[in-house]
């Protein structure tokens, strides 16, 4: 008898049993081939997903620094001329 189940698909249409597996597959595809023989991308994708909150925090801090650097560059007196 047939049974009903839930599955998840990555962007290429491959079936996975869990959303984590599908997301790891998509991340690995985005990373592409890393390394000369067997790609390191699947392992890196696994680490990225597991460390997601730390990575998101890092990017939030980076965005804040970039915004601050951009506003500093927009100030007219942000450069001090050295005497020759």
PDB file of N, CA and C in Angstrom:
ATOM      1  N   UNK A   1       0.843  -1.176   0.000  1.00  0.00           N
ATOM      2  CA  UNK A   1       0.000   0.000   0.000  1.00  0.00           C
ATOM      3  C   UNK A   1       0.894   1.247   0.000  1.00  0.00           C
ATOM      4  N   UNK A   2       0.504   2.220  -0.756  1.00  0.00           N
ATOM      5  CA  UNK A   2       1.256   3.467  -0.833  1.00  0.00           C
ATOM      6  C   UNK A   2       1.117   4.254   0.465  1.00  0.00           C
ATOM      7  N   UNK A   3       2.184   4.988   0.781  1.00  0.00           N
ATOM      8  CA  UNK A   3       2.166   5.840   1.972  1.00  0.00           C
ATOM      9  C   UNK A   3       2.519   7.258   1.564  1.00  0.00           C
ATOM     10  N   UNK A   4       2.067   8.179   2.355  1.00  0.00           N
ATOM     11  CA  UNK A   4       2.350   9.580   2.094  1.00  0.00           C
ATOM     12  C   UNK A   4       3.504  10.030   2.971  1.00  0.00           C
ATOM     13  N   UNK A   5       4.371  10.902   2.436  1.00  0.00           N
ATOM     14  CA  UNK A   5       5.499  11.393   3.212  1.00  0.00           C
ATOM     15  C   UNK A   5       5.843  12.820   2.815  1.00  0.00           C
ATOM     16  N   UNK A   6       6.782  13.363   3.534  1.00  0.00           N
ATOM     17  CA  UNK A   6       7.245  14.722   3.267  1.00  0.00           C
ATOM     18  C   UNK A   6       8.672  14.662   2.766  1.00  0.00           C
ATOM     19  N   UNK A   7       8.948  15.452   1.768  1.00  0.00           N
ATOM     20  CA  UNK A   7      10.298  15.513   1.226  1.00  0.00           C
ATOM     21  C   UNK A   7      10.665  16.946   0.904  1.00  0.00           C
ATOM     22  N   UNK A   8      11.936  17.159   0.653  1.00  0.00           N
ATOM     23  CA  UNK A   8      12.458  18.488   0.369  1.00  0.00           C
ATOM     24  C   UNK A   8      13.334  18.395  -0.871  1.00  0.00           C
ATOM     25  N   UNK A   9      13.309  19.436  -1.671  1.00  0.00           N
ATOM     26  CA  UNK A   9      14.046  19.453  -2.916  1.00  0.00           C
ATOM     27  C   UNK A   9      15.012  20.630  -2.940  1.00  0.00           C
ATOM     28  N   UNK A  10      16.215  20.375  -3.451  1.00  0.00           N
ATOM     29  CA  UNK A  10      17.153  21.481  -3.632  1.00  0.00           C
ATOM     30  C   UNK A  10      16.807  22.201  -4.930  1.00  0.00           C
ATOM     31  N   UNK A  11      17.572  23.213  -5.285  1.00  0.00           N
ATOM     32  CA  UNK A  11      17.283  24.016  -6.467  1.00  0.00           C
ATOM     33  C   UNK A  11      17.436  23.235  -7.767  1.00  0.00           C
ATOM     34  N   UNK A  12      18.169  22.139  -7.725  1.00  0.00           N
ATOM     35  CA  UNK A  12      18.332  21.296  -8.916  1.00  0.00           C
ATOM     36  C   UNK A  12      17.219  20.261  -9.031  1.00  0.00           C
ATOM     37  N   UNK A  13      16.371  20.174  -8.021  1.00  0.00           N
ATOM     38  CA  UNK A  13      15.271  19.219  -8.051  1.00  0.00           C
ATOM     39  C   UNK A  13      15.581  17.886  -7.410  1.00  0.00           C
ATOM     40  N   UNK A  14      16.744  17.751  -6.760  1.00  0.00           N
ATOM     41  CA  UNK A  14      17.083  16.504  -6.080  1.00  0.00           C
ATOM     42  C   UNK A  14      16.267  16.396  -4.796  1.00  0.00           C
ATOM     43  N   UNK A  15      15.817  15.195  -4.484  1.00  0.00           N
ATOM     44  CA  UNK A  15      14.993  14.931  -3.308  1.00  0.00           C
ATOM     45  C   UNK A  15      15.854  14.655  -2.080  1.00  0.00           C
ATOM     46  N   UNK A  16      15.437  15.204  -0.937  1.00  0.00           N
ATOM     47  CA  UNK A  16      16.103  14.962   0.334  1.00  0.00           C
ATOM     48  C   UNK A  16      15.046  14.734   1.414  1.00  0.00           C
ATOM     49  N   UNK A  17      15.419  13.979   2.421  1.00  0.00           N
ATOM     50  CA  UNK A  17      14.486  13.671   3.509  1.00  0.00           C
ATOM     51  C   UNK A  17      14.336  14.812   4.504  1.00  0.00           C
ATOM     52  N   UNK A  18      15.365  15.661   4.642  1.00  0.00           N
ATOM     53  CA  UNK A  18      15.307  16.752   5.616  1.00  0.00           C
ATOM     54  C   UNK A  18      15.616  18.085   4.929  1.00  0.00           C
ATOM     55  N   UNK A  19      15.115  19.187   5.492  1.00  0.00           N
ATOM     56  CA  UNK A  19      15.443  20.489   4.913  1.00  0.00           C
ATOM     57  C   UNK A  19      16.932  20.806   5.018  1.00  0.00           C
ATOM     58  N   UNK A  20      17.590  20.308   6.062  1.00  0.00           N
ATOM     59  CA  UNK A  20      19.024  20.544   6.223  1.00  0.00           C
ATOM     60  C   UNK A  20      19.814  19.942   5.065  1.00  0.00           C
ATOM     61  N   UNK A  21      19.449  18.727   4.661  1.00  0.00           N
ATOM     62  CA  UNK A  21      20.150  18.076   3.554  1.00  0.00           C
ATOM     63  C   UNK A  21      19.960  18.849   2.251  1.00  0.00           C
ATOM     64  N   UNK A  22      18.739  19.333   2.003  1.00  0.00           N
ATOM     65  CA  UNK A  22      18.469  20.097   0.781  1.00  0.00           C
ATOM     66  C   UNK A  22      19.239  21.417   0.791  1.00  0.00           C
ATOM     67  N   UNK A  23      19.280  22.088   1.933  1.00  0.00           N
ATOM     68  CA  UNK A  23      20.002  23.358   2.034  1.00  0.00           C
ATOM     69  C   UNK A  23      21.496  23.140   1.872  1.00  0.00           C
ATOM     70  N   UNK A  24      22.038  22.084   2.477  1.00  0.00           N
ATOM     71  CA  UNK A  24      23.462  21.777   2.305  1.00  0.00           C
ATOM     72  C   UNK A  24      23.792  21.539   0.838  1.00  0.00           C
ATOM     73  N   UNK A  25      22.918  20.856   0.131  1.00  0.00           N
ATOM     74  CA  UNK A  25      23.137  20.608  -1.288  1.00  0.00           C
ATOM     75  C   UNK A  25      23.169  21.920  -2.067  1.00  0.00           C
ATOM     76  N   UNK A  26      22.247  22.829  -1.762  1.00  0.00           N
ATOM     77  CA  UNK A  26      22.236  24.128  -2.436  1.00  0.00           C
ATOM     78  C   UNK A  26      23.489  24.934  -2.106  1.00  0.00           C
ATOM     79  N   UNK A  27      23.905  24.918  -0.845  1.00  0.00           N
ATOM     80  CA  UNK A  27      25.125  25.634  -0.464  1.00  0.00           C
ATOM     81  C   UNK A  27      26.342  25.071  -1.189  1.00  0.00           C
ATOM     82  N   UNK A  28      26.437  23.759  -1.239  1.00  0.00           N
ATOM     83  CA  UNK A  28      27.561  23.122  -1.927  1.00  0.00           C
ATOM     84  C   UNK A  28      27.572  23.491  -3.407  1.00  0.00           C
ATOM     85  N   UNK A  29      26.394  23.578  -4.015  1.00  0.00           N
ATOM     86  CA  UNK A  29      26.317  23.974  -5.425  1.00  0.00           C
ATOM     87  C   UNK A  29      26.784  25.412  -5.607  1.00  0.00           C
ATOM     88  N   UNK A  30      26.396  26.289  -4.678  1.00  0.00           N
ATOM     89  CA  UNK A  30      26.832  27.684  -4.761  1.00  0.00           C
ATOM     90  C   UNK A  30      28.346  27.809  -4.621  1.00  0.00           C
ATOM     91  N   UNK A  31      28.928  26.981  -3.764  1.00  0.00           N
ATOM     92  CA  UNK A  31      30.370  27.027  -3.544  1.00  0.00           C
ATOM     93  C   UNK A  31      31.144  26.474  -4.734  1.00  0.00           C
ATOM     94  N   UNK A  32      30.566  25.516  -5.426  1.00  0.00           N
ATOM     95  CA  UNK A  32      31.238  24.916  -6.579  1.00  0.00           C
ATOM     96  C   UNK A  32      32.312  23.928  -6.158  1.00  0.00           C
ATOM     97  N   UNK A  33      33.177  23.593  -7.088  1.00  0.00           N
ATOM     98  CA  UNK A  33      34.262  22.635  -6.839  1.00  0.00           C
ATOM     99  C   UNK A  33      35.356  23.304  -6.019  1.00  0.00           C
ATOM    100  N   UNK A  34      35.654  22.751  -4.865  1.00  0.00           N
ATOM    101  CA  UNK A  34      36.733  23.252  -4.012  1.00  0.00           C
ATOM    102  C   UNK A  34      37.689  22.091  -3.777  1.00  0.00           C
ATOM    103  N   UNK A  35      38.915  22.256  -4.196  1.00  0.00           N
ATOM    104  CA  UNK A  35      39.899  21.194  -4.069  1.00  0.00           C
ATOM    105  C   UNK A  35      40.130  20.515  -5.405  1.00  0.00           C
ATOM    106  N   UNK A  36      41.215  19.757  -5.459  1.00  0.00           N
ATOM    107  CA  UNK A  36      41.598  19.126  -6.723  1.00  0.00           C
ATOM    108  C   UNK A  36      40.870  17.822  -6.985  1.00  0.00           C
ATOM    109  N   UNK A  37      40.690  17.001  -5.958  1.00  0.00           N
ATOM    110  CA  UNK A  37      40.040  15.701  -6.156  1.00  0.00           C
ATOM    111  C   UNK A  37      38.579  15.830  -5.749  1.00  0.00           C
ATOM    112  N   UNK A  38      38.176  15.137  -4.724  1.00  0.00           N
ATOM    113  CA  UNK A  38      36.802  15.230  -4.246  1.00  0.00           C
ATOM    114  C   UNK A  38      36.593  16.608  -3.631  1.00  0.00           C
ATOM    115  N   UNK A  39      35.516  17.262  -4.006  1.00  0.00           N
ATOM    116  CA  UNK A  39      35.267  18.632  -3.570  1.00  0.00           C
ATOM    117  C   UNK A  39      35.078  18.730  -2.060  1.00  0.00           C
ATOM    118  N   UNK A  40      35.602  19.796  -1.502  1.00  0.00           N
ATOM    119  CA  UNK A  40      35.412  20.085  -0.085  1.00  0.00           C
ATOM    120  C   UNK A  40      34.107  20.836   0.160  1.00  0.00           C
ATOM    121  N   UNK A  41      33.418  21.240  -0.904  1.00  0.00           N
ATOM    122  CA  UNK A  41      32.203  22.055  -0.792  1.00  0.00           C
ATOM    123  C   UNK A  41      31.124  21.434   0.102  1.00  0.00           C
ATOM    124  N   UNK A  42      30.832  20.126   0.007  1.00  0.00           N
ATOM    125  CA  UNK A  42      29.801  19.576   0.886  1.00  0.00           C
ATOM    126  C   UNK A  42      30.140  19.724   2.381  1.00  0.00           C
ATOM    127  N   UNK A  43      31.396  19.529   2.734  1.00  0.00           N
ATOM    128  CA  UNK A  43      31.800  19.696   4.133  1.00  0.00           C
ATOM    129  C   UNK A  43      31.730  21.140   4.579  1.00  0.00           C
ATOM    130  N   UNK A  44      32.129  22.044   3.685  1.00  0.00           N
ATOM    131  CA  UNK A  44      32.048  23.467   4.000  1.00  0.00           C
ATOM    132  C   UNK A  44      30.587  23.889   4.128  1.00  0.00           C
ATOM    133  N   UNK A  45      29.731  23.389   3.248  1.00  0.00           N
ATOM    134  CA  UNK A  45      28.305  23.698   3.313  1.00  0.00           C
ATOM    135  C   UNK A  45      27.715  23.232   4.639  1.00  0.00           C
ATOM    136  N   UNK A  46      28.111  22.054   5.095  1.00  0.00           N
ATOM    137  CA  UNK A  46      27.656  21.520   6.380  1.00  0.00           C
ATOM    138  C   UNK A  46      28.069  22.460   7.515  1.00  0.00           C
ATOM    139  N   UNK A  47      29.319  22.911   7.500  1.00  0.00           N
ATOM    140  CA  UNK A  47      29.823  23.814   8.533  1.00  0.00           C
ATOM    141  C   UNK A  47      29.097  25.157   8.481  1.00  0.00           C
ATOM    142  N   UNK A  48      28.872  25.689   7.278  1.00  0.00           N
ATOM    143  CA  UNK A  48      28.163  26.960   7.138  1.00  0.00           C
ATOM    144  C   UNK A  48      26.771  26.879   7.756  1.00  0.00           C
ATOM    145  N   UNK A  49      26.058  25.801   7.470  1.00  0.00           N
ATOM    146  CA  UNK A  49      24.709  25.655   8.000  1.00  0.00           C
ATOM    147  C   UNK A  49      24.734  25.481   9.514  1.00  0.00           C
ATOM    148  N   UNK A  50      25.681  24.710  10.016  1.00  0.00           N
ATOM    149  CA  UNK A  50      25.780  24.493  11.465  1.00  0.00           C
ATOM    150  C   UNK A  50      26.185  25.760  12.205  1.00  0.00           C
ATOM    151  N   UNK A  51      26.985  26.622  11.572  1.00  0.00           N
ATOM    152  CA  UNK A  51      27.480  27.848  12.218  1.00  0.00           C
ATOM    153  C   UNK A  51      26.729  29.088  11.738  1.00  0.00           C
ATOM    154  N   UNK A  52      25.530  28.882  11.231  1.00  0.00           N
ATOM    155  CA  UNK A  52      24.756  29.953  10.612  1.00  0.00           C
ATOM    156  C   UNK A  52      24.612  31.183  11.501  1.00  0.00           C
ATOM    157  N   UNK A  53      24.252  31.022  12.753  1.00  0.00           N
ATOM    158  CA  UNK A  53      24.032  32.188  13.613  1.00  0.00           C
ATOM    159  C   UNK A  53      25.324  32.981  13.805  1.00  0.00           C
ATOM    160  N   UNK A  54      26.452  32.286  13.955  1.00  0.00           N
ATOM    161  CA  UNK A  54      27.736  32.978  14.086  1.00  0.00           C
ATOM    162  C   UNK A  54      28.088  33.729  12.801  1.00  0.00           C
ATOM    163  N   UNK A  55      27.817  33.106  11.670  1.00  0.00           N
ATOM    164  CA  UNK A  55      28.126  33.716  10.383  1.00  0.00           C
ATOM    165  C   UNK A  55      27.225  34.931  10.147  1.00  0.00           C
ATOM    166  N   UNK A  56      25.935  34.805  10.473  1.00  0.00           N
ATOM    167  CA  UNK A  56      25.027  35.941  10.317  1.00  0.00           C
ATOM    168  C   UNK A  56      25.459  37.111  11.198  1.00  0.00           C
ATOM    169  N   UNK A  57      25.901  36.820  12.421  1.00  0.00           N
ATOM    170  CA  UNK A  57      26.385  37.869  13.317  1.00  0.00           C
ATOM    171  C   UNK A  57      27.622  38.541  12.732  1.00  0.00           C
ATOM    172  N   UNK A  58      28.522  37.753  12.177  1.00  0.00           N
ATOM    173  CA  UNK A  58      29.726  38.286  11.555  1.00  0.00           C
ATOM    174  C   UNK A  58      29.383  39.224  10.401  1.00  0.00           C
ATOM    175  N   UNK A  59      28.434  38.821   9.551  1.00  0.00           N
ATOM    176  CA  UNK A  59      28.028  39.676   8.442  1.00  0.00           C
ATOM    177  C   UNK A  59      27.309  40.933   8.930  1.00  0.00           C
ATOM    178  N   UNK A  60      26.528  40.832   9.998  1.00  0.00           N
ATOM    179  CA  UNK A  60      25.869  42.015  10.562  1.00  0.00           C
ATOM    180  C   UNK A  60      26.909  43.013  11.058  1.00  0.00           C
ATOM    181  N   UNK A  61      27.944  42.509  11.726  1.00  0.00           N
ATOM    182  CA  UNK A  61      29.022  43.380  12.190  1.00  0.00           C
ATOM    183  C   UNK A  61      29.766  43.994  11.007  1.00  0.00           C
ATOM    184  N   UNK A  62      29.997  43.202   9.975  1.00  0.00           N
ATOM    185  CA  UNK A  62      30.668  43.699   8.769  1.00  0.00           C
ATOM    186  C   UNK A  62      29.840  44.815   8.116  1.00  0.00           C
ATOM    187  N   UNK A  63      28.529  44.598   7.992  1.00  0.00           N
ATOM    188  CA  UNK A  63      27.656  45.606   7.389  1.00  0.00           C
ATOM    189  C   UNK A  63      27.675  46.901   8.190  1.00  0.00           C
ATOM    190  N   UNK A  64      27.698  46.786   9.520  1.00  0.00           N
ATOM    191  CA  UNK A  64      27.753  47.975  10.371  1.00  0.00           C
ATOM    192  C   UNK A  64      29.068  48.725  10.169  1.00  0.00           C
ATOM    193  N   UNK A  65      30.175  47.997  10.076  1.00  0.00           N
ATOM    194  CA  UNK A  65      31.466  48.642   9.836  1.00  0.00           C
ATOM    195  C   UNK A  65      31.499  49.310   8.465  1.00  0.00           C
ATOM    196  N   UNK A  66      30.931  48.660   7.460  1.00  0.00           N
ATOM    197  CA  UNK A  66      30.909  49.233   6.122  1.00  0.00           C
ATOM    198  C   UNK A  66      30.047  50.497   6.082  1.00  0.00           C
ATOM    199  N   UNK A  67      28.925  50.475   6.789  1.00  0.00           N
ATOM    200  CA  UNK A  67      28.067  51.660   6.839  1.00  0.00           C
ATOM    201  C   UNK A  67      28.798  52.804   7.528  1.00  0.00           C
ATOM    202  N   UNK A  68      29.508  52.494   8.600  1.00  0.00           N
ATOM    203  CA  UNK A  68      30.269  53.514   9.318  1.00  0.00           C
ATOM    204  C   UNK A  68      31.393  54.053   8.451  1.00  0.00           C
ATOM    205  N   UNK A  69      32.077  53.182   7.737  1.00  0.00           N
ATOM    206  CA  UNK A  69      33.165  53.607   6.859  1.00  0.00           C
ATOM    207  C   UNK A  69      32.628  54.472   5.732  1.00  0.00           C
ATOM    208  N   UNK A  70      31.455  54.142   5.220  1.00  0.00           N
ATOM    209  CA  UNK A  70      30.840  54.931   4.163  1.00  0.00           C
ATOM    210  C   UNK A  70      30.439  56.308   4.636  1.00  0.00           C
ATOM    211  N   UNK A  71      29.907  56.403   5.844  1.00  0.00           N
ATOM    212  CA  UNK A  71      29.510  57.714   6.366  1.00  0.00           C
ATOM    213  C   UNK A  71      30.742  58.547   6.705  1.00  0.00           C
ATOM    214  N   UNK A  72      31.831  57.912   7.117  1.00  0.00           N
ATOM    215  CA  UNK A  72      33.070  58.648   7.408  1.00  0.00           C
ATOM    216  C   UNK A  72      33.656  59.211   6.116  1.00  0.00           C
ATOM    217  N   UNK A  73      33.556  58.463   5.033  1.00  0.00           N
ATOM    218  CA  UNK A  73      34.085  58.936   3.751  1.00  0.00           C
ATOM    219  C   UNK A  73      33.261  60.093   3.215  1.00  0.00           C
ATOM    220  N   UNK A  74      31.996  60.157   3.594  1.00  0.00           N
ATOM    221  CA  UNK A  74      31.134  61.229   3.106  1.00  0.00           C
ATOM    222  C   UNK A  74      31.368  62.541   3.850  1.00  0.00           C
ATOM    223  N   UNK A  75      32.009  62.508   5.001  1.00  0.00           N
ATOM    224  CA  UNK A  75      32.291  63.740   5.750  1.00  0.00           C
ATOM    225  C   UNK A  75      33.356  64.554   5.021  1.00  0.00           C
ATOM    226  N   UNK A  76      33.164  65.865   4.885  1.00  0.00           N
ATOM    227  CA  UNK A  76      34.113  66.663   4.118  1.00  0.00           C
ATOM    228  C   UNK A  76      35.470  66.826   4.786  1.00  0.00           C
ATOM    229  N   UNK A  77      35.561  66.785   6.080  1.00  0.00           N
ATOM    230  CA  UNK A  77      36.835  67.036   6.773  1.00  0.00           C
ATOM    231  C   UNK A  77      37.417  65.768   7.376  1.00  0.00           C
ATOM    232  N   UNK A  78      37.334  64.659   6.659  1.00  0.00           N
ATOM    233  CA  UNK A  78      37.829  63.415   7.214  1.00  0.00           C
ATOM    234  C   UNK A  78      39.286  63.148   6.857  1.00  0.00           C
ATOM    235  N   UNK A  79      39.942  64.096   6.151  1.00  0.00           N
ATOM    236  CA  UNK A  79      41.326  63.922   5.749  1.00  0.00           C
ATOM    237  C   UNK A  79      42.164  65.042   6.366  1.00  0.00           C
ATOM    238  N   UNK A  80      43.230  64.678   6.999  1.00  0.00           N
ATOM    239  CA  UNK A  80      44.156  65.658   7.553  1.00  0.00           C
ATOM    240  C   UNK A  80      45.367  65.741   6.646  1.00  0.00           C
ATOM    241  N   UNK A  81      45.634  66.943   6.158  1.00  0.00           N
ATOM    242  CA  UNK A  81      46.792  67.128   5.275  1.00  0.00           C
ATOM    243  C   UNK A  81      48.050  67.205   6.108  1.00  0.00           C
ATOM    244  N   UNK A  82      49.092  66.523   5.642  1.00  0.00           N
ATOM    245  CA  UNK A  82      50.378  66.555   6.299  1.00  0.00           C
ATOM    246  C   UNK A  82      51.204  67.733   5.774  1.00  0.00           C
ATOM    247  N   UNK A  83      51.974  68.325   6.642  1.00  0.00           N
ATOM    248  CA  UNK A  83      52.850  69.413   6.205  1.00  0.00           C
ATOM    249  C   UNK A  83      54.039  68.820   5.458  1.00  0.00           C
ATOM    250  N   UNK A  84      54.397  69.455   4.378  1.00  0.00           N
ATOM    251  CA  UNK A  84      55.504  68.955   3.564  1.00  0.00           C
ATOM    252  C   UNK A  84      56.839  69.384   4.077  1.00  0.00           C
TER     253      UNK A  84
END
